[in-house]
C-alpha atoms as a PDB file:
ATOM      1  CA  UNK A   1       0.000   0.000   0.000  1.00  0.00           C
ATOM      2  CA  UNK A   2       1.276   3.442  -0.882  1.00  0.00           C
ATOM      3  CA  UNK A   3       2.095   5.990   1.805  1.00  0.00           C
ATOM      4  CA  UNK A   4      -0.401   8.858   1.576  1.00  0.00           C
ATOM      5  CA  UNK A   5       0.853  11.663  -0.648  1.00  0.00           C
ATOM      6  CA  UNK A   6      -0.900  15.014  -0.755  1.00  0.00           C
ATOM      7  CA  UNK A   7      -0.248  17.683  -3.367  1.00  0.00           C
ATOM      8  CA  UNK A   8      -1.991  20.982  -3.938  1.00  0.00           C
ATOM      9  CA  UNK A   9      -2.426  23.294  -6.899  1.00  0.00           C
ATOM     10  CA  UNK A  10      -3.757  26.778  -6.141  1.00  0.00           C
ATOM     11  CA  UNK A  11      -4.728  29.530  -8.546  1.00  0.00           C
ATOM     12  CA  UNK A  12      -4.960  32.968  -6.911  1.00  0.00           C
ATOM     13  CA  UNK A  13      -7.373  35.712  -8.104  1.00  0.00           C
ATOM     14  CA  UNK A  14      -4.476  37.493  -9.849  1.00  0.00           C
ATOM     15  CA  UNK A  15      -3.758  34.374 -11.983  1.00  0.00           C
ATOM     16  CA  UNK A  16      -0.703  33.168 -10.060  1.00  0.00           C
ATOM     17  CA  UNK A  17      -0.377  29.377 -10.013  1.00  0.00           C
ATOM     18  CA  UNK A  18       1.206  27.671  -7.023  1.00  0.00           C
ATOM     19  CA  UNK A  19       2.015  23.953  -6.915  1.00  0.00           C
ATOM     20  CA  UNK A  20       3.249  22.450  -3.667  1.00  0.00           C
ATOM     21  CA  UNK A  21       3.214  19.455  -1.411  1.00  0.00           C
ATOM     22  CA  UNK A  22       0.137  19.657   0.756  1.00  0.00           C
ATOM     23  CA  UNK A  23      -0.127  20.045   4.488  1.00  0.00           C
ATOM     24  CA  UNK A  24      -2.910  20.213   7.015  1.00  0.00           C
ATOM     25  CA  UNK A  25      -3.550  23.851   6.099  1.00  0.00           C
ATOM     26  CA  UNK A  26      -4.473  22.804   2.532  1.00  0.00           C
ATOM     27  CA  UNK A  27      -7.266  20.522   3.749  1.00  0.00           C
ATOM     28  CA  UNK A  28      -9.868  23.252   3.407  1.00  0.00           C
ATOM     29  CA  UNK A  29     -11.594  25.224   0.650  1.00  0.00           C
ATOM     30  CA  UNK A  30      -9.456  27.929  -0.977  1.00  0.00           C
ATOM     31  CA  UNK A  31      -9.799  31.627  -0.200  1.00  0.00           C
ATOM     32  CA  UNK A  32     -12.528  33.572  -1.951  1.00  0.00           C
ATOM     33  CA  UNK A  33     -11.725  34.114  -5.609  1.00  0.00           C
ATOM     34  CA  UNK A  34      -9.145  31.302  -5.712  1.00  0.00           C
ATOM     35  CA  UNK A  35      -9.356  27.805  -7.166  1.00  0.00           C
ATOM     36  CA  UNK A  36      -7.788  24.709  -5.647  1.00  0.00           C
ATOM     37  CA  UNK A  37      -7.068  21.215  -6.837  1.00  0.00           C
ATOM     38  CA  UNK A  38      -6.067  18.876  -4.047  1.00  0.00           C
ATOM     39  CA  UNK A  39      -4.873  15.393  -4.949  1.00  0.00           C
ATOM     40  CA  UNK A  40      -4.561  12.623  -2.359  1.00  0.00           C
ATOM     41  CA  UNK A  41      -2.801   9.410  -3.347  1.00  0.00           C
ATOM     42  CA  UNK A  42      -2.920   6.442  -1.002  1.00  0.00           C
ATOM     43  CA  UNK A  43      -5.469   5.459   1.606  1.00  0.00           C
ATOM     44  CA  UNK A  44      -5.310   7.250   4.957  1.00  0.00           C
ATOM     45  CA  UNK A  45      -8.312   7.305   7.270  1.00  0.00           C
ATOM     46  CA  UNK A  46      -6.753  10.107   9.271  1.00  0.00           C
ATOM     47  CA  UNK A  47      -6.297  12.318   6.207  1.00  0.00           C
ATOM     48  CA  UNK A  48      -9.800  11.489   4.971  1.00  0.00           C
ATOM     49  CA  UNK A  49     -11.199  12.537   8.329  1.00  0.00           C
ATOM     50  CA  UNK A  50      -9.297  15.809   8.077  1.00  0.00           C
ATOM     51  CA  UNK A  51     -10.781  16.286   4.616  1.00  0.00           C
ATOM     52  CA  UNK A  52     -14.255  15.707   5.995  1.00  0.00           C
ATOM     53  CA  UNK A  53     -13.752  18.278   8.723  1.00  0.00           C
ATOM     54  CA  UNK A  54     -11.950  20.848   6.566  1.00  0.00           C
ATOM     55  CA  UNK A  55     -14.308  20.712   3.557  1.00  0.00           C
ATOM     56  CA  UNK A  56     -17.425  19.634   5.474  1.00  0.00           C
ATOM     57  CA  UNK A  57     -17.838  16.603   3.239  1.00  0.00           C
ATOM     58  CA  UNK A  58     -20.663  14.199   3.895  1.00  0.00           C
ATOM     59  CA  UNK A  59     -19.612  11.179   6.016  1.00  0.00           C
ATOM     60  CA  UNK A  60     -21.129   8.757   3.487  1.00  0.00           C
ATOM     61  CA  UNK A  61     -18.870  10.139   0.743  1.00  0.00           C
ATOM     62  CA  UNK A  62     -15.834   9.798   3.013  1.00  0.00           C
ATOM     63  CA  UNK A  63     -16.894   6.232   3.798  1.00  0.00           C
ATOM     64  CA  UNK A  64     -16.996   5.483   0.049  1.00  0.00           C
ATOM     65  CA  UNK A  65     -13.461   6.864  -0.300  1.00  0.00           C
ATOM     66  CA  UNK A  66     -12.233   4.301   2.201  1.00  0.00           C
ATOM     67  CA  UNK A  67     -13.309   1.439  -0.074  1.00  0.00           C
ATOM     68  CA  UNK A  68     -12.041   1.433  -3.649  1.00  0.00           C
ATOM     69  CA  UNK A  69     -14.570  -0.988  -5.062  1.00  0.00           C
ATOM     70  CA  UNK A  70     -17.338   1.464  -5.873  1.00  0.00           C
ATOM     71  CA  UNK A  71     -19.520   1.538  -8.928  1.00  0.00           C
ATOM     72  CA  UNK A  72     -19.151   4.601 -11.214  1.00  0.00           C
ATOM     73  CA  UNK A  73     -21.660   7.096  -9.875  1.00  0.00           C
ATOM     74  CA  UNK A  74     -22.548  10.705  -9.150  1.00  0.00           C
ATOM     75  CA  UNK A  75     -23.973  11.777  -5.812  1.00  0.00           C
ATOM     76  CA  UNK A  76     -25.124  15.308  -5.039  1.00  0.00           C
ATOM     77  CA  UNK A  77     -24.626  16.859  -1.622  1.00  0.00           C
ATOM     78  CA  UNK A  78     -25.308  20.304  -0.261  1.00  0.00           C
ATOM     79  CA  UNK A  79     -22.311  22.163  -1.659  1.00  0.00           C
ATOM     80  CA  UNK A  80     -20.384  19.560  -3.644  1.00  0.00           C
ATOM     81  CA  UNK A  81     -20.673  16.567  -5.943  1.00  0.00           C
ATOM     82  CA  UNK A  82     -19.100  13.207  -5.206  1.00  0.00           C
ATOM     83  CA  UNK A  83     -18.058  11.302  -8.317  1.00  0.00           C
ATOM     84  CA  UNK A  84     -16.538   7.894  -8.889  1.00  0.00           C
ATOM     85  CA  UNK A  85     -14.744   7.346 -12.188  1.00  0.00           C
ATOM     86  CA  UNK A  86     -13.021   4.163 -13.300  1.00  0.00           C
ATOM     87  CA  UNK A  87     -10.695   3.237 -16.110  1.00  0.00           C
ATOM     88  CA  UNK A  88      -8.465   0.419 -17.285  1.00  0.00           C
ATOM     89  CA  UNK A  89      -4.862   0.119 -18.312  1.00  0.00           C
ATOM     90  CA  UNK A  90      -3.082  -2.720 -20.102  1.00  0.00           C
ATOM     91  CA  UNK A  91       0.729  -2.630 -19.989  1.00  0.00           C
ATOM     92  CA  UNK A  92       1.188  -5.553 -22.397  1.00  0.00           C
ATOM     93  CA  UNK A  93       0.361  -5.715 -26.072  1.00  0.00           C
ATOM     94  CA  UNK A  94      -2.011  -8.613 -25.559  1.00  0.00           C
ATOM     95  CA  UNK A  95      -5.188  -7.798 -23.627  1.00  0.00           C
ATOM     96  CA  UNK A  96      -4.821 -10.768 -21.320  1.00  0.00           C
ATOM     97  CA  UNK A  97      -4.705  -8.849 -18.063  1.00  0.00           C
ATOM     98  CA  UNK A  98      -5.943  -5.338 -17.394  1.00  0.00           C
ATOM     99  CA  UNK A  99      -5.707  -3.228 -14.278  1.00  0.00           C
ATOM    100  CA  UNK A 100      -8.689  -1.322 -12.946  1.00  0.00           C
ATOM    101  CA  UNK A 101      -8.097   2.213 -11.687  1.00  0.00           C
ATOM    102  CA  UNK A 102     -10.629   4.037  -9.563  1.00  0.00           C
ATOM    103  CA  UNK A 103     -10.767   7.779  -8.969  1.00  0.00           C
ATOM    104  CA  UNK A 104     -12.938   9.464  -6.358  1.00  0.00           C
ATOM    105  CA  UNK A 105     -13.557  13.182  -6.702  1.00  0.00           C
ATOM    106  CA  UNK A 106     -15.259  15.932  -4.727  1.00  0.00           C
ATOM    107  CA  UNK A 107     -16.298  18.769  -7.011  1.00  0.00           C
ATOM    108  CA  UNK A 108     -17.234  22.083  -5.459  1.00  0.00           C
ATOM    109  CA  UNK A 109     -17.682  25.576  -6.809  1.00  0.00           C
ATOM    110  CA  UNK A 110     -14.027  26.505  -6.332  1.00  0.00           C
ATOM    111  CA  UNK A 111     -12.248  23.270  -5.470  1.00  0.00           C
ATOM    112  CA  UNK A 112     -11.598  19.787  -6.780  1.00  0.00           C
ATOM    113  CA  UNK A 113     -10.417  17.053  -4.426  1.00  0.00           C
ATOM    114  CA  UNK A 114      -9.287  13.797  -6.032  1.00  0.00           C
ATOM    115  CA  UNK A 115      -8.587  10.624  -4.060  1.00  0.00           C
ATOM    116  CA  UNK A 116      -7.062   7.430  -5.455  1.00  0.00           C
ATOM    117  CA  UNK A 117      -5.383   4.404  -3.928  1.00  0.00           C
ATOM    118  CA  UNK A 118      -2.524   4.033  -6.400  1.00  0.00           C
ATOM    119  CA  UNK A 119      -0.723   6.046  -9.039  1.00  0.00           C
ATOM    120  CA  UNK A 120      -3.023   6.899 -11.935  1.00  0.00           C
ATOM    121  CA  UNK A 121      -1.388   7.798 -15.267  1.00  0.00           C
ATOM    122  CA  UNK A 122      -4.414   9.946 -16.195  1.00  0.00           C
ATOM    123  CA  UNK A 123      -4.135  12.026 -13.018  1.00  0.00           C
ATOM    124  CA  UNK A 124      -0.386  12.494 -13.407  1.00  0.00           C
ATOM    125  CA  UNK A 125      -0.800  13.546 -17.041  1.00  0.00           C
ATOM    126  CA  UNK A 126      -3.476  16.146 -16.248  1.00  0.00           C
ATOM    127  CA  UNK A 127      -1.488  17.368 -13.229  1.00  0.00           C
ATOM    128  CA  UNK A 128       1.582  18.009 -15.376  1.00  0.00           C
ATOM    129  CA  UNK A 129      -0.552  19.762 -17.961  1.00  0.00           C
ATOM    130  CA  UNK A 130      -2.283  21.980 -15.405  1.00  0.00           C
ATOM    131  CA  UNK A 131       0.991  22.744 -13.583  1.00  0.00           C
ATOM    132  CA  UNK A 132       2.639  23.814 -16.825  1.00  0.00           C
ATOM    133  CA  UNK A 133      -0.228  26.035 -17.963  1.00  0.00           C
ATOM    134  CA  UNK A 134      -2.561  27.905 -15.617  1.00  0.00           C
ATOM    135  CA  UNK A 135      -5.249  28.133 -18.303  1.00  0.00           C
ATOM    136  CA  UNK A 136      -6.685  24.727 -17.335  1.00  0.00           C
ATOM    137  CA  UNK A 137      -7.413  25.830 -13.763  1.00  0.00           C
ATOM    138  CA  UNK A 138      -8.466  29.283 -14.937  1.00  0.00           C
ATOM    139  CA  UNK A 139     -11.328  27.667 -16.845  1.00  0.00           C
ATOM    140  CA  UNK A 140     -12.597  26.209 -13.591  1.00  0.00           C
ATOM    141  CA  UNK A 141     -12.170  23.122 -11.461  1.00  0.00           C
ATOM    142  CA  UNK A 142     -15.028  21.504 -13.372  1.00  0.00           C
ATOM    143  CA  UNK A 143     -12.907  21.772 -16.531  1.00  0.00           C
ATOM    144  CA  UNK A 144     -10.014  20.065 -14.715  1.00  0.00           C
ATOM    145  CA  UNK A 145     -12.346  17.212 -13.810  1.00  0.00           C
ATOM    146  CA  UNK A 146     -13.381  17.032 -17.454  1.00  0.00           C
ATOM    147  CA  UNK A 147      -9.713  16.609 -18.389  1.00  0.00           C
ATOM    148  CA  UNK A 148      -9.384  13.811 -15.826  1.00  0.00           C
ATOM    149  CA  UNK A 149     -12.499  11.942 -16.960  1.00  0.00           C
ATOM    150  CA  UNK A 150     -11.589  12.362 -20.621  1.00  0.00           C
ATOM    151  CA  UNK A 151      -8.061  11.055 -20.049  1.00  0.00           C
ATOM    152  CA  UNK A 152      -9.318   8.013 -18.147  1.00  0.00           C
ATOM    153  CA  UNK A 153     -11.882   7.229 -20.851  1.00  0.00           C
ATOM    154  CA  UNK A 154      -9.345   7.580 -23.671  1.00  0.00           C
ATOM    155  CA  UNK A 155      -7.097   4.961 -22.054  1.00  0.00           C
ATOM    156  CA  UNK A 156      -9.828   2.351 -22.650  1.00  0.00           C
ATOM    157  CA  UNK A 157      -9.871   2.690 -26.438  1.00  0.00           C
ATOM    158  CA  UNK A 158      -6.464   1.014 -27.085  1.00  0.00           C
ATOM    159  CA  UNK A 159      -7.572  -1.939 -24.950  1.00  0.00           C
ATOM    160  CA  UNK A 160     -10.720  -2.420 -27.016  1.00  0.00           C
ATOM    161  CA  UNK A 161      -8.690  -2.106 -30.221  1.00  0.00           C
ATOM    162  CA  UNK A 162      -6.382  -4.879 -29.017  1.00  0.00           C
ATOM    163  CA  UNK A 163      -9.376  -7.037 -28.126  1.00  0.00           C
ATOM    164  CA  UNK A 164     -10.792  -6.519 -31.614  1.00  0.00           C
ATOM    165  CA  UNK A 165      -7.467  -7.487 -33.216  1.00  0.00           C
ATOM    166  CA  UNK A 166      -7.194 -10.554 -30.977  1.00  0.00           C
ATOM    167  CA  UNK A 167     -10.732 -11.670 -31.840  1.00  0.00           C
ATOM    168  CA  UNK A 168     -10.151 -11.294 -35.572  1.00  0.00           C
ATOM    169  CA  UNK A 169      -6.909 -13.254 -35.253  1.00  0.00           C
ATOM    170  CA  UNK A 170      -8.649 -16.036 -33.335  1.00  0.00           C
ATOM    171  CA  UNK A 171     -11.520 -16.131 -35.830  1.00  0.00           C
ATOM    172  CA  UNK A 172      -9.110 -16.502 -38.751  1.00  0.00           C
ATOM    173  CA  UNK A 173      -7.133 -19.202 -36.962  1.00  0.00           C
ATOM    174  CA  UNK A 174     -10.081 -21.355 -35.867  1.00  0.00           C
ATOM    175  CA  UNK A 175     -11.378 -21.472 -39.422  1.00  0.00           C
ATOM    176  CA  UNK A 176      -8.125 -23.057 -40.590  1.00  0.00           C
ATOM    177  CA  UNK A 177      -6.958 -25.110 -37.610  1.00  0.00           C
ATOM    178  CA  UNK A 178      -8.880 -24.901 -34.323  1.00  0.00           C
ATOM    179  CA  UNK A 179      -6.952 -25.425 -31.120  1.00  0.00           C
ATOM    180  CA  UNK A 180      -8.043 -25.845 -27.500  1.00  0.00           C
ATOM    181  CA  UNK A 181      -5.980 -22.824 -26.563  1.00  0.00           C
ATOM    182  CA  UNK A 182      -8.215 -20.732 -28.818  1.00  0.00           C
ATOM    183  CA  UNK A 183     -11.245 -21.784 -26.770  1.00  0.00           C
ATOM    184  CA  UNK A 184      -9.532 -20.736 -23.540  1.00  0.00           C
ATOM    185  CA  UNK A 185      -8.574 -17.451 -25.176  1.00  0.00           C
ATOM    186  CA  UNK A 186     -12.160 -16.839 -26.293  1.00  0.00           C
ATOM    187  CA  UNK A 187     -13.545 -17.278 -22.790  1.00  0.00           C
ATOM    188  CA  UNK A 188     -10.771 -15.122 -21.334  1.00  0.00           C
ATOM    189  CA  UNK A 189     -11.699 -12.293 -23.686  1.00  0.00           C
ATOM    190  CA  UNK A 190     -15.372 -12.853 -22.888  1.00  0.00           C
ATOM    191  CA  UNK A 191     -14.700 -12.300 -19.182  1.00  0.00           C
ATOM    192  CA  UNK A 192     -12.686  -9.198 -20.018  1.00  0.00           C
ATOM    193  CA  UNK A 193     -15.487  -7.731 -22.118  1.00  0.00           C
ATOM    194  CA  UNK A 194     -17.980  -8.358 -19.332  1.00  0.00           C
ATOM    195  CA  UNK A 195     -15.662  -6.573 -16.915  1.00  0.00           C
ATOM    196  CA  UNK A 196     -15.302  -3.604 -19.253  1.00  0.00           C
ATOM    197  CA  UNK A 197     -19.036  -3.433 -19.782  1.00  0.00           C
ATOM    198  CA  UNK A 198     -19.762  -3.457 -16.037  1.00  0.00           C
ATOM    199  CA  UNK A 199     -17.590  -0.364 -15.645  1.00  0.00           C
ATOM    200  CA  UNK A 200     -18.145   1.657 -18.803  1.00  0.00           C
ATOM    201  CA  UNK A 201     -21.916   1.264 -18.984  1.00  0.00           C
ATOM    202  CA  UNK A 202     -22.722   2.985 -15.639  1.00  0.00           C
ATOM    203  CA  UNK A 203     -19.935   5.488 -16.259  1.00  0.00           C
ATOM    204  CA  UNK A 204     -21.704   6.526 -19.447  1.00  0.00           C
ATOM    205  CA  UNK A 205     -24.808   7.311 -17.405  1.00  0.00           C
ATOM    206  CA  UNK A 206     -22.747   9.337 -14.918  1.00  0.00           C
ATOM    207  CA  UNK A 207     -21.225  11.480 -17.655  1.00  0.00           C
ATOM    208  CA  UNK A 208     -24.657  11.937 -19.203  1.00  0.00           C
ATOM    209  CA  UNK A 209     -25.846  13.447 -15.922  1.00  0.00           C
ATOM    210  CA  UNK A 210     -22.899  15.855 -15.842  1.00  0.00           C
ATOM    211  CA  UNK A 211     -23.569  16.875 -19.442  1.00  0.00           C
ATOM    212  CA  UNK A 212     -27.296  17.475 -19.063  1.00  0.00           C
ATOM    213  CA  UNK A 213     -28.314  18.099 -15.472  1.00  0.00           C
ATOM    214  CA  UNK A 214     -27.384  21.806 -15.341  1.00  0.00           C
ATOM    215  CA  UNK A 215     -25.675  21.625 -11.933  1.00  0.00           C
ATOM    216  CA  UNK A 216     -24.373  25.048 -10.738  1.00  0.00           C
ATOM    217  CA  UNK A 217     -20.955  23.490 -10.066  1.00  0.00           C
ATOM    218  CA  UNK A 218     -20.664  22.565 -13.745  1.00  0.00           C
ATOM    219  CA  UNK A 219     -20.727  25.524 -16.110  1.00  0.00           C
ATOM    220  CA  UNK A 220     -22.686  25.358 -19.327  1.00  0.00           C
ATOM    221  CA  UNK A 221     -19.479  25.646 -21.322  1.00  0.00           C
ATOM    222  CA  UNK A 222     -17.872  22.711 -19.511  1.00  0.00           C
ATOM    223  CA  UNK A 223     -21.057  20.656 -19.855  1.00  0.00           C
ATOM    224  CA  UNK A 224     -20.433  20.638 -23.600  1.00  0.00           C
ATOM    225  CA  UNK A 225     -17.036  19.034 -22.980  1.00  0.00           C
ATOM    226  CA  UNK A 226     -18.617  16.429 -20.732  1.00  0.00           C
ATOM    227  CA  UNK A 227     -20.981  15.684 -23.591  1.00  0.00           C
ATOM    228  CA  UNK A 228     -17.938  14.865 -25.702  1.00  0.00           C
ATOM    229  CA  UNK A 229     -16.735  12.400 -23.039  1.00  0.00           C
ATOM    230  CA  UNK A 230     -20.224  10.938 -22.989  1.00  0.00           C
ATOM    231  CA  UNK A 231     -20.011  10.429 -26.762  1.00  0.00           C
ATOM    232  CA  UNK A 232     -16.672   8.649 -26.302  1.00  0.00           C
ATOM    233  CA  UNK A 233     -18.255   6.323 -23.755  1.00  0.00           C
ATOM    234  CA  UNK A 234     -21.150   5.639 -26.117  1.00  0.00           C
ATOM    235  CA  UNK A 235     -18.649   4.641 -28.809  1.00  0.00           C
ATOM    236  CA  UNK A 236     -16.760   2.467 -26.339  1.00  0.00           C
ATOM    237  CA  UNK A 237     -19.952   0.679 -25.317  1.00  0.00           C
ATOM    238  CA  UNK A 238     -20.845   0.192 -28.967  1.00  0.00           C
ATOM    239  CA  UNK A 239     -17.365  -1.210 -29.537  1.00  0.00           C
ATOM    240  CA  UNK A 240     -17.882  -3.600 -26.622  1.00  0.00           C
ATOM    241  CA  UNK A 241     -21.149  -4.816 -28.147  1.00  0.00           C
ATOM    242  CA  UNK A 242     -19.461  -5.228 -31.534  1.00  0.00           C
ATOM    243  CA  UNK A 243     -16.665  -7.209 -29.901  1.00  0.00           C
ATOM    244  CA  UNK A 244     -19.248  -9.367 -28.148  1.00  0.00           C
ATOM    245  CA  UNK A 245     -20.697 -10.169 -31.580  1.00  0.00           C
ATOM    246  CA  UNK A 246     -17.214 -10.966 -32.888  1.00  0.00           C
ATOM    247  CA  UNK A 247     -16.670 -13.148 -29.842  1.00  0.00           C
ATOM    248  CA  UNK A 248     -19.884 -15.059 -30.523  1.00  0.00           C
ATOM    249  CA  UNK A 249     -18.844 -15.481 -34.162  1.00  0.00           C
ATOM    250  CA  UNK A 250     -15.411 -16.734 -33.116  1.00  0.00           C
ATOM    251  CA  UNK A 251     -16.958 -19.197 -30.667  1.00  0.00           C
ATOM    252  CA  UNK A 252     -19.428 -20.451 -33.280  1.00  0.00           C
ATOM    253  CA  UNK A 253     -16.613 -20.743 -35.816  1.00  0.00           C
ATOM    254  CA  UNK A 254     -14.532 -22.733 -33.337  1.00  0.00           C
ATOM    255  CA  UNK A 255     -17.398 -25.093 -32.462  1.00  0.00           C
ATOM    256  CA  UNK A 256     -18.300 -25.480 -36.135  1.00  0.00           C
ATOM    257  CA  UNK A 257     -14.693 -26.190 -37.102  1.00  0.00           C
ATOM    258  CA  UNK A 258     -14.306 -28.723 -34.299  1.00  0.00           C
ATOM    259  CA  UNK A 259     -17.604 -30.358 -35.277  1.00  0.00           C
ATOM    260  CA  UNK A 260     -16.574 -30.534 -38.939  1.00  0.00           C
ATOM    261  CA  UNK A 261     -13.210 -31.936 -37.987  1.00  0.00           C
ATOM    262  CA  UNK A 262     -14.888 -34.572 -35.797  1.00  0.00           C
ATOM    263  CA  UNK A 263     -17.251 -35.453 -38.609  1.00  0.00           C
ATOM    264  CA  UNK A 264     -14.337 -35.846 -41.012  1.00  0.00           C
ATOM    265  CA  UNK A 265     -12.542 -38.130 -38.569  1.00  0.00           C
ATOM    266  CA  UNK A 266     -15.674 -40.187 -38.022  1.00  0.00           C
ATOM    267  CA  UNK A 267     -16.226 -40.418 -41.771  1.00  0.00           C
ATOM    268  CA  UNK A 268     -12.754 -41.790 -42.414  1.00  0.00           C
ATOM    269  CA  UNK A 269     -13.005 -44.190 -39.492  1.00  0.00           C
ATOM    270  CA  UNK A 270     -16.362 -45.400 -40.805  1.00  0.00           C
ATOM    271  CA  UNK A 271     -14.964 -45.873 -44.304  1.00  0.00           C
ATOM    272  CA  UNK A 272     -11.977 -47.694 -42.874  1.00  0.00           C
ATOM    273  CA  UNK A 273     -14.304 -49.981 -40.930  1.00  0.00           C
ATOM    274  CA  UNK A 274     -16.391 -50.542 -44.038  1.00  0.00           C
ATOM    275  CA  UNK A 275     -13.284 -51.559 -45.986  1.00  0.00           C
ATOM    276  CA  UNK A 276     -12.149 -54.047 -43.356  1.00  0.00           C
ATOM    277  CA  UNK A 277     -15.592 -55.526 -42.760  1.00  0.00           C
ATOM    278  CA  UNK A 278     -15.616 -57.760 -45.894  1.00  0.00           C
ATOM    279  CA  UNK A 279     -11.932 -58.558 -45.369  1.00  0.00           C
ATOM    280  CA  UNK A 280     -12.739 -59.770 -41.863  1.00  0.00           C
ATOM    281  CA  UNK A 281     -15.433 -61.993 -43.368  1.00  0.00           C
ATOM    282  CA  UNK A 282     -13.053 -63.380 -46.004  1.00  0.00           C
ATOM    283  CA  UNK A 283     -10.217 -64.216 -43.647  1.00  0.00           C
ATOM    284  CA  UNK A 284     -12.720 -65.489 -41.094  1.00  0.00           C
ATOM    285  CA  UNK A 285     -14.295 -67.773 -43.663  1.00  0.00           C
ATOM    286  CA  UNK A 286     -11.002 -69.143 -44.907  1.00  0.00           C
ATOM    287  CA  UNK A 287      -9.697 -69.402 -41.381  1.00  0.00           C
ATOM    288  CA  UNK A 288     -12.312 -71.955 -40.307  1.00  0.00           C
ATOM    289  CA  UNK A 289     -10.837 -74.875 -38.426  1.00  0.00           C
ATOM    290  CA  UNK A 290     -12.371 -77.609 -40.631  1.00  0.00           C
ATOM    291  CA  UNK A 291     -10.391 -79.938 -42.877  1.00  0.00           C
ATOM    292  CA  UNK A 292     -13.359 -80.709 -45.136  1.00  0.00           C
ATOM    293  CA  UNK A 293     -16.184 -78.721 -46.593  1.00  0.00           C
ATOM    294  CA  UNK A 294     -19.229 -80.291 -48.235  1.00  0.00           C
ATOM    295  CA  UNK A 295     -18.184 -81.037 -51.812  1.00  0.00           C
ATOM    296  CA  UNK A 296     -14.614 -79.825 -51.257  1.00  0.00           C
ATOM    297  CA  UNK A 297     -12.523 -82.242 -49.179  1.00  0.00           C
ATOM    298  CA  UNK A 298      -9.066 -81.075 -48.056  1.00  0.00           C
ATOM    299  CA  UNK A 299      -9.908 -77.488 -48.884  1.00  0.00           C
ATOM    300  CA  UNK A 300      -7.468 -76.037 -46.321  1.00  0.00           C
ATOM    301  CA  UNK A 301      -4.595 -77.394 -48.420  1.00  0.00           C
ATOM    302  CA  UNK A 302      -5.848 -75.953 -51.726  1.00  0.00           C
ATOM    303  CA  UNK A 303      -3.463 -73.542 -53.419  1.00  0.00           C
ATOM    304  CA  UNK A 304      -6.259 -72.364 -55.720  1.00  0.00           C
ATOM    305  CA  UNK A 305      -8.432 -71.278 -52.814  1.00  0.00           C
ATOM    306  CA  UNK A 306      -5.429 -69.553 -51.242  1.00  0.00           C
ATOM    307  CA  UNK A 307      -4.970 -67.540 -54.438  1.00  0.00           C
ATOM    308  CA  UNK A 308      -8.695 -66.738 -54.461  1.00  0.00           C
ATOM    309  CA  UNK A 309      -8.509 -65.489 -50.876  1.00  0.00           C
ATOM    310  CA  UNK A 310      -5.480 -63.311 -51.574  1.00  0.00           C
ATOM    311  CA  UNK A 311      -7.059 -61.889 -54.712  1.00  0.00           C
ATOM    312  CA  UNK A 312     -10.279 -61.194 -52.825  1.00  0.00           C
ATOM    313  CA  UNK A 313      -8.347 -59.391 -50.044  1.00  0.00           C
ATOM    314  CA  UNK A 314      -6.654 -57.207 -52.675  1.00  0.00           C
ATOM    315  CA  UNK A 315      -9.563 -56.563 -55.031  1.00  0.00           C
ATOM    316  CA  UNK A 316     -12.224 -55.924 -52.375  1.00  0.00           C
ATOM    317  CA  UNK A 317     -10.683 -52.801 -50.734  1.00  0.00           C
ATOM    318  CA  UNK A 318      -9.668 -51.394 -54.119  1.00  0.00           C
ATOM    319  CA  UNK A 319     -13.189 -51.874 -55.444  1.00  0.00           C
ATOM    320  CA  UNK A 320     -14.758 -50.385 -52.336  1.00  0.00           C
ATOM    321  CA  UNK A 321     -12.483 -47.319 -52.425  1.00  0.00           C
ATOM    322  CA  UNK A 322     -13.330 -46.824 -56.089  1.00  0.00           C
ATOM    323  CA  UNK A 323     -17.023 -47.059 -55.246  1.00  0.00           C
ATOM    324  CA  UNK A 324     -16.647 -44.577 -52.353  1.00  0.00           C
ATOM    325  CA  UNK A 325     -14.980 -42.111 -54.688  1.00  0.00           C
ATOM    326  CA  UNK A 326     -17.671 -42.659 -57.306  1.00  0.00           C
ATOM    327  CA  UNK A 327     -20.313 -41.781 -54.689  1.00  0.00           C
ATOM    328  CA  UNK A 328     -18.211 -38.727 -53.621  1.00  0.00           C
ATOM    329  CA  UNK A 329     -17.732 -40.049 -50.115  1.00  0.00           C
ATOM    330  CA  UNK A 330     -13.994 -39.467 -50.411  1.00  0.00           C
END
């Protein structure tokens, strides 16, 4: 678990931007006319309690911050909004394992407080951008939260692109030569898509509320930007549904290929059995343990019958194979 790290970004009324490591004095709303972004990394019940006292946050919101397994949501309190945003990252090229990142945020009229358990690339990227250029914070703390939500949503698109590529690769492979590993891969991707859907679907609804609800803490100009993030989430959910269709097609292709392969094997085994069935009769007939047959005494010592048996054993399979090919069974 990470040691709690607190950092503060303040924008004074005269446009001066100050970035510093936070202390207890920063755990409060900024002075009138100023804007503040406070970022807390790592879980600390003591620091969360200081946040609750300093900002007068609702205890239920602070309780949610102590457990990073929340569903994406938006909750409205007296003077602030509490938002939960989630996103995924995939360090490898193959979408086998993804990491879920969760960001809790308190959005007030002049402050933004973000809380996360581990290092989030989206938060670090927006922090560097805002620290380098005061214009982001000048446009309001709601605009900074837009940058955060947009960055977290954009990180999901490469993962879905990799899933699409993996599904198309599997679909092409199972049509030529299905393998059991492909089936395991299909179900692994299916679980991943379900996990993505469980996160991105409610997050789409949360962003829709920010874009349309007309909350006084979200300006009309910033609401338009949230609408753009909402559109991105709509496209991501559509991509998930398209990948689910591709997944179903890949699974059907695998099952069909395996079934066809089984049928081919059974066909050849059946034909092989059919070829050996008359041969078994021939050798069984000539292998009878009788010295005499009615009308043919001493038949077991007949060279003519031996030649007949050998000729029958040679001609019968050749004739049957020719007949199978004539009937297009081969």
